Full PDB file with SEQRES, HELIX, SHEET, SSBOND, CRYST1, ORIGX, SCALE, CONECT and MASTER records, all heavy atoms in Angstrom:
SEQRES   1 A   33  GLN MET ASN SER LEU LYS PRO GLU ASP THR ALA VAL TYR          
SEQRES   2 A   33  PHE CYS ALA ALA MET ASP ASN TYR TYR CYS SER ALA TYR          
SEQRES   3 A   33  GLY LEU TYR PRO PHE ALA GLN                                  
HELIX    1 AA1 PRO A    7  ASP A    9  5                                   3    
HELIX    2 AA2 ASN A   20  TYR A   22  5                                   3    
SHEET    1 AA1 2 CYS A  23  SER A  24  0                                        
SHEET    2 AA1 2 GLY A  27  LEU A  28 -1                                        
CRYST1    1.000    1.000    1.000  90.00  90.00  90.00 P 1           1          
ORIGX1      1.000000  0.000000  0.000000        0.00000                         
ORIGX2      0.000000  1.000000  0.000000        0.00000                         
ORIGX3      0.000000  0.000000  1.000000        0.00000                         
SCALE1      1.000000  0.000000  0.000000        0.00000                         
SCALE2      0.000000  1.000000  0.000000        0.00000                         
SCALE3      0.000000  0.000000  1.000000        0.00000                         
ATOM      1  N   GLN A   1     -22.948  10.203   3.426  1.00  0.00           N  
ATOM      2  CA  GLN A   1     -24.122  11.028   3.270  1.00  0.00           C  
ATOM      3  C   GLN A   1     -24.598  11.539   4.593  1.00  0.00           C  
ATOM      4  O   GLN A   1     -24.876  10.854   5.437  1.00  0.00           O  
ATOM      5  CB  GLN A   1     -25.228  10.247   2.539  1.00  0.00           C  
ATOM      6  CG  GLN A   1     -26.485  11.056   2.309  1.00  0.00           C  
ATOM      7  CD  GLN A   1     -26.325  12.147   1.313  1.00  0.00           C  
ATOM      8  OE1 GLN A   1     -25.641  12.059   0.295  1.00  0.00           O  
ATOM      9  NE2 GLN A   1     -26.817  13.348   1.632  1.00  0.00           N  
ATOM     10  N   MET A   2     -24.664  12.924   4.682  1.00  0.00           N  
ATOM     11  CA  MET A   2     -24.996  13.556   5.981  1.00  0.00           C  
ATOM     12  C   MET A   2     -26.305  14.385   5.766  1.00  0.00           C  
ATOM     13  O   MET A   2     -26.275  15.277   4.945  1.00  0.00           O  
ATOM     14  CB  MET A   2     -23.832  14.492   6.426  1.00  0.00           C  
ATOM     15  CG  MET A   2     -22.499  13.797   6.469  1.00  0.00           C  
ATOM     16  SD  MET A   2     -21.233  14.840   7.178  1.00  0.00           S  
ATOM     17  CE  MET A   2     -21.111  16.213   6.035  1.00  0.00           C  
ATOM     18  N   ASN A   3     -27.325  13.910   6.490  1.00  0.00           N  
ATOM     19  CA  ASN A   3     -28.594  14.560   6.452  1.00  0.00           C  
ATOM     20  C   ASN A   3     -28.853  15.104   7.694  1.00  0.00           C  
ATOM     21  O   ASN A   3     -28.311  14.794   8.781  1.00  0.00           O  
ATOM     22  CB  ASN A   3     -29.642  13.561   6.066  1.00  0.00           C  
ATOM     23  CG  ASN A   3     -29.388  12.977   4.652  1.00  0.00           C  
ATOM     24  OD1 ASN A   3     -28.901  13.640   3.784  1.00  0.00           O  
ATOM     25  ND2 ASN A   3     -29.798  11.733   4.391  1.00  0.00           N  
ATOM     26  N   SER A   4     -29.917  15.970   7.789  1.00  0.00           N  
ATOM     27  CA  SER A   4     -30.419  16.665   9.010  1.00  0.00           C  
ATOM     28  C   SER A   4     -29.297  17.262   9.814  1.00  0.00           C  
ATOM     29  O   SER A   4     -29.103  16.938  10.971  1.00  0.00           O  
ATOM     30  CB  SER A   4     -31.240  15.652   9.874  1.00  0.00           C  
ATOM     31  OG  SER A   4     -32.273  15.124   9.206  1.00  0.00           O  
ATOM     32  N   LEU A   5     -28.389  17.903   9.142  1.00  0.00           N  
ATOM     33  CA  LEU A   5     -27.145  18.450   9.799  1.00  0.00           C  
ATOM     34  C   LEU A   5     -27.512  19.470  10.912  1.00  0.00           C  
ATOM     35  O   LEU A   5     -28.445  20.257  10.799  1.00  0.00           O  
ATOM     36  CB  LEU A   5     -26.297  19.067   8.797  1.00  0.00           C  
ATOM     37  CG  LEU A   5     -25.448  18.030   7.962  1.00  0.00           C  
ATOM     38  CD1 LEU A   5     -24.936  18.591   6.624  1.00  0.00           C  
ATOM     39  CD2 LEU A   5     -24.347  17.409   8.758  1.00  0.00           C  
ATOM     40  N   LYS A   6     -26.687  19.483  11.908  1.00  0.00           N  
ATOM     41  CA  LYS A   6     -26.848  20.290  13.108  1.00  0.00           C  
ATOM     42  C   LYS A   6     -25.594  21.106  13.185  1.00  0.00           C  
ATOM     43  O   LYS A   6     -24.474  20.764  12.752  1.00  0.00           O  
ATOM     44  CB  LYS A   6     -27.051  19.465  14.381  1.00  0.00           C  
ATOM     45  CG  LYS A   6     -28.095  18.444  14.272  1.00  0.00           C  
ATOM     46  CD  LYS A   6     -28.166  17.603  15.541  1.00  0.00           C  
ATOM     47  CE  LYS A   6     -29.260  16.609  15.493  1.00  0.00           C  
ATOM     48  NZ  LYS A   6     -29.306  15.704  16.692  1.00  0.00           N  
ATOM     49  N   PRO A   7     -25.584  22.328  13.931  1.00  0.00           N  
ATOM     50  CA  PRO A   7     -24.478  23.093  14.136  1.00  0.00           C  
ATOM     51  C   PRO A   7     -23.383  22.297  14.746  1.00  0.00           C  
ATOM     52  O   PRO A   7     -22.159  22.534  14.425  1.00  0.00           O  
ATOM     53  CB  PRO A   7     -24.986  24.251  15.012  1.00  0.00           C  
ATOM     54  CG  PRO A   7     -26.379  24.404  14.616  1.00  0.00           C  
ATOM     55  CD  PRO A   7     -26.833  22.990  14.397  1.00  0.00           C  
ATOM     56  N   GLU A   8     -23.710  21.290  15.625  1.00  0.00           N  
ATOM     57  CA  GLU A   8     -22.682  20.604  16.358  1.00  0.00           C  
ATOM     58  C   GLU A   8     -21.918  19.627  15.446  1.00  0.00           C  
ATOM     59  O   GLU A   8     -20.996  18.918  15.778  1.00  0.00           O  
ATOM     60  CB  GLU A   8     -23.226  19.917  17.510  1.00  0.00           C  
ATOM     61  CG  GLU A   8     -24.521  19.118  17.363  1.00  0.00           C  
ATOM     62  CD  GLU A   8     -25.824  19.937  17.562  1.00  0.00           C  
ATOM     63  OE1 GLU A   8     -25.901  21.075  17.298  1.00  0.00           O  
ATOM     64  OE2 GLU A   8     -26.695  19.235  18.112  1.00  0.00           O  
ATOM     65  N   ASP A   9     -22.326  19.443  14.127  1.00  0.00           N  
ATOM     66  CA  ASP A   9     -21.686  18.719  13.286  1.00  0.00           C  
ATOM     67  C   ASP A   9     -20.496  19.401  12.599  1.00  0.00           C  
ATOM     68  O   ASP A   9     -19.824  18.823  11.933  1.00  0.00           O  
ATOM     69  CB  ASP A   9     -22.709  18.130  12.140  1.00  0.00           C  
ATOM     70  CG  ASP A   9     -23.723  17.225  12.604  1.00  0.00           C  
ATOM     71  OD1 ASP A   9     -23.375  16.303  13.499  1.00  0.00           O  
ATOM     72  OD2 ASP A   9     -24.896  17.432  12.227  1.00  0.00           O  
ATOM     73  N   THR A  10     -20.427  20.637  12.781  1.00  0.00           N  
ATOM     74  CA  THR A  10     -19.321  21.508  12.301  1.00  0.00           C  
ATOM     75  C   THR A  10     -18.007  20.889  12.746  1.00  0.00           C  
ATOM     76  O   THR A  10     -17.736  20.814  13.902  1.00  0.00           O  
ATOM     77  CB  THR A  10     -19.503  22.934  12.730  1.00  0.00           C  
ATOM     78  OG1 THR A  10     -20.707  23.476  12.121  1.00  0.00           O  
ATOM     79  CG2 THR A  10     -18.305  23.769  12.227  1.00  0.00           C  
ATOM     80  N   ALA A  11     -17.100  20.651  11.819  1.00  0.00           N  
ATOM     81  CA  ALA A  11     -15.819  20.063  12.068  1.00  0.00           C  
ATOM     82  C   ALA A  11     -15.042  19.875  10.754  1.00  0.00           C  
ATOM     83  O   ALA A  11     -15.663  19.947   9.682  1.00  0.00           O  
ATOM     84  CB  ALA A  11     -16.001  18.703  12.710  1.00  0.00           C  
ATOM     85  N   VAL A  12     -13.835  19.486  10.848  1.00  0.00           N  
ATOM     86  CA  VAL A  12     -13.096  19.008   9.771  1.00  0.00           C  
ATOM     87  C   VAL A  12     -13.283  17.472   9.742  1.00  0.00           C  
ATOM     88  O   VAL A  12     -13.018  16.731  10.761  1.00  0.00           O  
ATOM     89  CB  VAL A  12     -11.491  19.343   9.764  1.00  0.00           C  
ATOM     90  CG1 VAL A  12     -10.830  18.737   8.587  1.00  0.00           C  
ATOM     91  CG2 VAL A  12     -11.387  20.847   9.928  1.00  0.00           C  
ATOM     92  N   TYR A  13     -13.641  17.017   8.583  1.00  0.00           N  
ATOM     93  CA  TYR A  13     -13.870  15.538   8.384  1.00  0.00           C  
ATOM     94  C   TYR A  13     -12.821  14.874   7.662  1.00  0.00           C  
ATOM     95  O   TYR A  13     -12.371  15.406   6.589  1.00  0.00           O  
ATOM     96  CB  TYR A  13     -15.257  15.305   7.691  1.00  0.00           C  
ATOM     97  CG  TYR A  13     -16.531  15.653   8.604  1.00  0.00           C  
ATOM     98  CD1 TYR A  13     -16.791  16.848   8.968  1.00  0.00           C  
ATOM     99  CD2 TYR A  13     -17.266  14.568   9.052  1.00  0.00           C  
ATOM    100  CE1 TYR A  13     -17.877  17.106   9.800  1.00  0.00           C  
ATOM    101  CE2 TYR A  13     -18.382  14.726   9.889  1.00  0.00           C  
ATOM    102  CZ  TYR A  13     -18.628  15.997  10.244  1.00  0.00           C  
ATOM    103  OH  TYR A  13     -19.758  16.235  10.980  1.00  0.00           O  
ATOM    104  N   PHE A  14     -12.359  13.816   8.242  1.00  0.00           N  
ATOM    105  CA  PHE A  14     -11.216  13.050   7.674  1.00  0.00           C  
ATOM    106  C   PHE A  14     -11.634  11.577   7.277  1.00  0.00           C  
ATOM    107  O   PHE A  14     -12.559  11.021   8.103  1.00  0.00           O  
ATOM    108  CB  PHE A  14     -10.033  12.908   8.605  1.00  0.00           C  
ATOM    109  CG  PHE A  14      -9.509  14.202   8.982  1.00  0.00           C  
ATOM    110  CD1 PHE A  14     -10.002  14.826  10.171  1.00  0.00           C  
ATOM    111  CD2 PHE A  14      -8.413  14.849   8.399  1.00  0.00           C  
ATOM    112  CE1 PHE A  14      -9.498  16.026  10.610  1.00  0.00           C  
ATOM    113  CE2 PHE A  14      -7.880  15.969   8.804  1.00  0.00           C  
ATOM    114  CZ  PHE A  14      -8.418  16.621   9.880  1.00  0.00           C  
ATOM    115  N   CYS A  15     -11.178  11.012   6.343  1.00  0.00           N  
ATOM    116  CA  CYS A  15     -11.354   9.552   6.053  1.00  0.00           C  
ATOM    117  C   CYS A  15      -9.957   8.944   6.282  1.00  0.00           C  
ATOM    118  O   CYS A  15      -8.867   9.503   6.116  1.00  0.00           O  
ATOM    119  CB  CYS A  15     -11.874   9.195   4.786  1.00  0.00           C  
ATOM    120  SG  CYS A  15     -10.948   9.685   3.394  1.00  0.00           S  
ATOM    121  N   ALA A  16     -10.020   7.547   6.741  1.00  0.00           N  
ATOM    122  CA  ALA A  16      -8.838   6.880   6.923  1.00  0.00           C  
ATOM    123  C   ALA A  16      -9.098   5.408   6.597  1.00  0.00           C  
ATOM    124  O   ALA A  16     -10.104   4.929   6.728  1.00  0.00           O  
ATOM    125  CB  ALA A  16      -8.479   6.913   8.351  1.00  0.00           C  
ATOM    126  N   ALA A  17      -8.002   4.712   6.092  1.00  0.00           N  
ATOM    127  CA  ALA A  17      -8.074   3.380   5.664  1.00  0.00           C  
ATOM    128  C   ALA A  17      -7.278   2.565   6.606  1.00  0.00           C  
ATOM    129  O   ALA A  17      -6.198   2.886   7.175  1.00  0.00           O  
ATOM    130  CB  ALA A  17      -7.489   3.175   4.297  1.00  0.00           C  
ATOM    131  N   MET A  18      -7.899   1.334   6.970  1.00  0.00           N  
ATOM    132  CA  MET A  18      -7.216   0.494   8.021  1.00  0.00           C  
ATOM    133  C   MET A  18      -7.625  -0.986   7.764  1.00  0.00           C  
ATOM    134  O   MET A  18      -8.571  -1.259   7.005  1.00  0.00           O  
ATOM    135  CB  MET A  18      -7.778   0.894   9.414  1.00  0.00           C  
ATOM    136  CG  MET A  18      -9.248   0.821   9.499  1.00  0.00           C  
ATOM    137  SD  MET A  18      -9.840   1.682  10.909  1.00  0.00           S  
ATOM    138  CE  MET A  18     -11.526   1.480  10.783  1.00  0.00           C  
ATOM    139  N   ASP A  19      -6.954  -1.814   8.420  1.00  0.00           N  
ATOM    140  CA  ASP A  19      -7.374  -3.232   8.336  1.00  0.00           C  
ATOM    141  C   ASP A  19      -8.810  -3.453   8.821  1.00  0.00           C  
ATOM    142  O   ASP A  19      -9.247  -2.829   9.799  1.00  0.00           O  
ATOM    143  CB  ASP A  19      -6.442  -4.046   9.276  1.00  0.00           C  
ATOM    144  CG  ASP A  19      -6.561  -5.495   8.957  1.00  0.00           C  
ATOM    145  OD1 ASP A  19      -7.456  -6.096   9.634  1.00  0.00           O  
ATOM    146  OD2 ASP A  19      -5.814  -6.175   8.130  1.00  0.00           O  
ATOM    147  N   ASN A  20      -9.443  -4.394   8.208  1.00  0.00           N  
ATOM    148  CA  ASN A  20     -10.907  -4.612   8.519  1.00  0.00           C  
ATOM    149  C   ASN A  20     -11.081  -5.011  10.050  1.00  0.00           C  
ATOM    150  O   ASN A  20     -12.117  -4.681  10.604  1.00  0.00           O  
ATOM    151  CB  ASN A  20     -11.449  -5.795   7.705  1.00  0.00           C  
ATOM    152  CG  ASN A  20     -11.851  -5.253   6.253  1.00  0.00           C  
ATOM    153  OD1 ASN A  20     -12.702  -4.401   6.120  1.00  0.00           O  
ATOM    154  ND2 ASN A  20     -11.232  -5.811   5.307  1.00  0.00           N  
ATOM    155  N   TYR A  21     -10.150  -5.482  10.687  1.00  0.00           N  
ATOM    156  CA  TYR A  21     -10.194  -5.948  12.014  1.00  0.00           C  
ATOM    157  C   TYR A  21     -10.511  -4.796  12.904  1.00  0.00           C  
ATOM    158  O   TYR A  21     -11.212  -4.961  13.917  1.00  0.00           O  
ATOM    159  CB  TYR A  21      -8.826  -6.506  12.514  1.00  0.00           C  
ATOM    160  CG  TYR A  21      -8.664  -6.810  13.955  1.00  0.00           C  
ATOM    161  CD1 TYR A  21      -9.123  -7.904  14.530  1.00  0.00           C  
ATOM    162  CD2 TYR A  21      -8.037  -5.854  14.779  1.00  0.00           C  
ATOM    163  CE1 TYR A  21      -9.004  -8.242  15.812  1.00  0.00           C  
ATOM    164  CE2 TYR A  21      -7.992  -6.142  16.176  1.00  0.00           C  
ATOM    165  CZ  TYR A  21      -8.444  -7.336  16.640  1.00  0.00           C  
ATOM    166  OH  TYR A  21      -8.323  -7.541  17.946  1.00  0.00           O  
ATOM    167  N   TYR A  22     -10.166  -3.607  12.551  1.00  0.00           N  
ATOM    168  CA  TYR A  22     -10.290  -2.416  13.458  1.00  0.00           C  
ATOM    169  C   TYR A  22     -11.648  -1.729  13.459  1.00  0.00           C  
ATOM    170  O   TYR A  22     -11.881  -0.837  14.186  1.00  0.00           O  
ATOM    171  CB  TYR A  22      -9.156  -1.369  13.199  1.00  0.00           C  
ATOM    172  CG  TYR A  22      -7.796  -1.873  13.447  1.00  0.00           C  
ATOM    173  CD1 TYR A  22      -6.897  -1.930  12.378  1.00  0.00           C  
ATOM    174  CD2 TYR A  22      -7.451  -2.335  14.732  1.00  0.00           C  
ATOM    175  CE1 TYR A  22      -5.548  -2.379  12.627  1.00  0.00           C  
ATOM    176  CE2 TYR A  22      -6.150  -2.819  14.924  1.00  0.00           C  
ATOM    177  CZ  TYR A  22      -5.208  -2.807  13.903  1.00  0.00           C  
ATOM    178  OH  TYR A  22      -3.985  -3.299  14.141  1.00  0.00           O  
ATOM    179  N   CYS A  23     -12.533  -2.205  12.591  1.00  0.00           N  
ATOM    180  CA  CYS A  23     -13.875  -1.662  12.470  1.00  0.00           C  
ATOM    181  C   CYS A  23     -14.884  -2.751  12.802  1.00  0.00           C  
ATOM    182  O   CYS A  23     -14.835  -3.810  12.221  1.00  0.00           O  
ATOM    183  CB  CYS A  23     -14.110  -1.145  10.949  1.00  0.00           C  
ATOM    184  SG  CYS A  23     -15.762  -0.794  10.599  1.00  0.00           S  
ATOM    185  N   SER A  24     -15.709  -2.484  13.782  1.00  0.00           N  
ATOM    186  CA  SER A  24     -16.748  -3.469  14.124  1.00  0.00           C  
ATOM    187  C   SER A  24     -18.096  -2.655  14.149  1.00  0.00           C  
ATOM    188  O   SER A  24     -18.118  -1.453  14.137  1.00  0.00           O  
ATOM    189  CB  SER A  24     -16.441  -4.055  15.435  1.00  0.00           C  
ATOM    190  OG  SER A  24     -16.878  -3.222  16.490  1.00  0.00           O  
ATOM    191  N   ALA A  25     -19.168  -3.397  14.352  1.00  0.00           N  
ATOM    192  CA  ALA A  25     -20.588  -2.783  14.557  1.00  0.00           C  
ATOM    193  C   ALA A  25     -20.585  -2.012  15.805  1.00  0.00           C  
ATOM    194  O   ALA A  25     -21.592  -1.128  15.995  1.00  0.00           O  
ATOM    195  CB  ALA A  25     -21.543  -3.836  14.483  1.00  0.00           C  
ATOM    196  N   TYR A  26     -19.699  -2.225  16.742  1.00  0.00           N  
ATOM    197  CA  TYR A  26     -19.757  -1.447  18.028  1.00  0.00           C  
ATOM    198  C   TYR A  26     -18.834  -0.337  18.109  1.00  0.00           C  
ATOM    199  O   TYR A  26     -18.799   0.422  19.094  1.00  0.00           O  
ATOM    200  CB  TYR A  26     -19.498  -2.449  19.155  1.00  0.00           C  
ATOM    201  CG  TYR A  26     -20.338  -3.689  19.104  1.00  0.00           C  
ATOM    202  CD1 TYR A  26     -19.935  -4.951  18.550  1.00  0.00           C  
ATOM    203  CD2 TYR A  26     -21.681  -3.579  19.450  1.00  0.00           C  
ATOM    204  CE1 TYR A  26     -20.869  -5.998  18.369  1.00  0.00           C  
ATOM    205  CE2 TYR A  26     -22.579  -4.678  19.424  1.00  0.00           C  
ATOM    206  CZ  TYR A  26     -22.098  -5.878  18.746  1.00  0.00           C  
ATOM    207  OH  TYR A  26     -23.015  -6.950  18.628  1.00  0.00           O  
ATOM    208  N   GLY A  27     -17.924  -0.149  17.119  1.00  0.00           N  
ATOM    209  CA  GLY A  27     -17.117   1.011  17.198  1.00  0.00           C  
ATOM    210  C   GLY A  27     -15.750   0.686  16.545  1.00  0.00           C  
ATOM    211  O   GLY A  27     -15.475  -0.370  15.971  1.00  0.00           O  
ATOM    212  N   LEU A  28     -14.844   1.689  16.618  1.00  0.00           N  
ATOM    213  CA  LEU A  28     -13.511   1.551  16.070  1.00  0.00           C  
ATOM    214  C   LEU A  28     -12.555   1.069  17.204  1.00  0.00           C  
ATOM    215  O   LEU A  28     -12.713   1.510  18.315  1.00  0.00           O  
ATOM    216  CB  LEU A  28     -12.939   2.887  15.587  1.00  0.00           C  
ATOM    217  CG  LEU A  28     -13.743   3.476  14.443  1.00  0.00           C  
ATOM    218  CD1 LEU A  28     -13.650   4.915  14.242  1.00  0.00           C  
ATOM    219  CD2 LEU A  28     -13.287   2.730  13.168  1.00  0.00           C  
ATOM    220  N   TYR A  29     -11.695   0.146  16.880  1.00  0.00           N  
ATOM    221  CA  TYR A  29     -10.805  -0.447  17.754  1.00  0.00           C  
ATOM    222  C   TYR A  29     -10.036   0.682  18.464  1.00  0.00           C  
ATOM    223  O   TYR A  29      -9.372   1.417  17.613  1.00  0.00           O  
ATOM    224  CB  TYR A  29     -10.032  -1.497  17.107  1.00  0.00           C  
ATOM    225  CG  TYR A  29      -9.048  -2.336  18.077  1.00  0.00           C  
ATOM    226  CD1 TYR A  29      -9.578  -3.245  18.946  1.00  0.00           C  
ATOM    227  CD2 TYR A  29      -7.659  -2.095  18.108  1.00  0.00           C  
ATOM    228  CE1 TYR A  29      -8.770  -3.977  19.743  1.00  0.00           C  
ATOM    229  CE2 TYR A  29      -6.908  -2.783  18.901  1.00  0.00           C  
ATOM    230  CZ  TYR A  29      -7.442  -3.759  19.693  1.00  0.00           C  
ATOM    231  OH  TYR A  29      -6.611  -4.508  20.608  1.00  0.00           O  
ATOM    232  N   PRO A  30      -9.857   0.775  19.732  1.00  0.00           N  
ATOM    233  CA  PRO A  30      -9.116   1.876  20.293  1.00  0.00           C  
ATOM    234  C   PRO A  30      -7.717   2.122  19.843  1.00  0.00           C  
ATOM    235  O   PRO A  30      -7.188   3.243  19.835  1.00  0.00           O  
ATOM    236  CB  PRO A  30      -9.206   1.676  21.861  1.00  0.00           C  
ATOM    237  CG  PRO A  30     -10.455   0.783  22.002  1.00  0.00           C  
ATOM    238  CD  PRO A  30     -10.423  -0.095  20.772  1.00  0.00           C  
ATOM    239  N   PHE A  31      -7.074   1.071  19.507  1.00  0.00           N  
ATOM    240  CA  PHE A  31      -5.541   1.236  19.177  1.00  0.00           C  
ATOM    241  C   PHE A  31      -5.397   0.820  17.784  1.00  0.00           C  
ATOM    242  O   PHE A  31      -4.423   0.258  17.382  1.00  0.00           O  
ATOM    243  CB  PHE A  31      -4.693   0.279  20.077  1.00  0.00           C  
ATOM    244  CG  PHE A  31      -4.895   0.605  21.615  1.00  0.00           C  
ATOM    245  CD1 PHE A  31      -5.751  -0.049  22.374  1.00  0.00           C  
ATOM    246  CD2 PHE A  31      -4.330   1.765  22.138  1.00  0.00           C  
ATOM    247  CE1 PHE A  31      -5.827   0.229  23.806  1.00  0.00           C  
ATOM    248  CE2 PHE A  31      -4.418   2.138  23.352  1.00  0.00           C  
ATOM    249  CZ  PHE A  31      -5.211   1.334  24.233  1.00  0.00           C  
ATOM    250  N   ALA A  32      -6.382   1.242  16.862  1.00  0.00           N  
ATOM    251  CA  ALA A  32      -6.251   0.819  15.455  1.00  0.00           C  
ATOM    252  C   ALA A  32      -5.113   1.526  14.881  1.00  0.00           C  
ATOM    253  O   ALA A  32      -4.636   2.589  15.158  1.00  0.00           O  
ATOM    254  CB  ALA A  32      -7.556   1.388  14.776  1.00  0.00           C  
ATOM    255  N   GLN A  33      -4.531   0.803  13.916  1.00  0.00           N  
ATOM    256  CA  GLN A  33      -3.422   1.262  13.130  1.00  0.00           C  
ATOM    257  C   GLN A  33      -4.010   1.773  11.821  1.00  0.00           C  
ATOM    258  O   GLN A  33      -4.604   1.046  11.059  1.00  0.00           O  
ATOM    259  CB  GLN A  33      -2.353   0.207  12.868  1.00  0.00           C  
ATOM    260  CG  GLN A  33      -1.860  -0.412  14.164  1.00  0.00           C  
ATOM    261  CD  GLN A  33      -0.820   0.475  14.820  1.00  0.00           C  
ATOM    262  OE1 GLN A  33      -0.112   1.136  14.081  1.00  0.00           O  
ATOM    263  NE2 GLN A  33      -0.690   0.303  16.119  1.00  0.00           N  
TER     264      GLN A  33                                                      
MASTER        0    0    0    2    2    0    0    6  263    1    0    3          
END                                                                             
C-alpha cells in the first residue's frame, strides 16, 4: 500500500520471493538469492 506518493516514487516495481533469512528489520541481505 503506497500513500502520499511523490514524483520520485516513479519506477517499475517488482516483487521477489526469497528465503526468510534474507529479510531483516534492518534491510535486505546484500547477497540474497
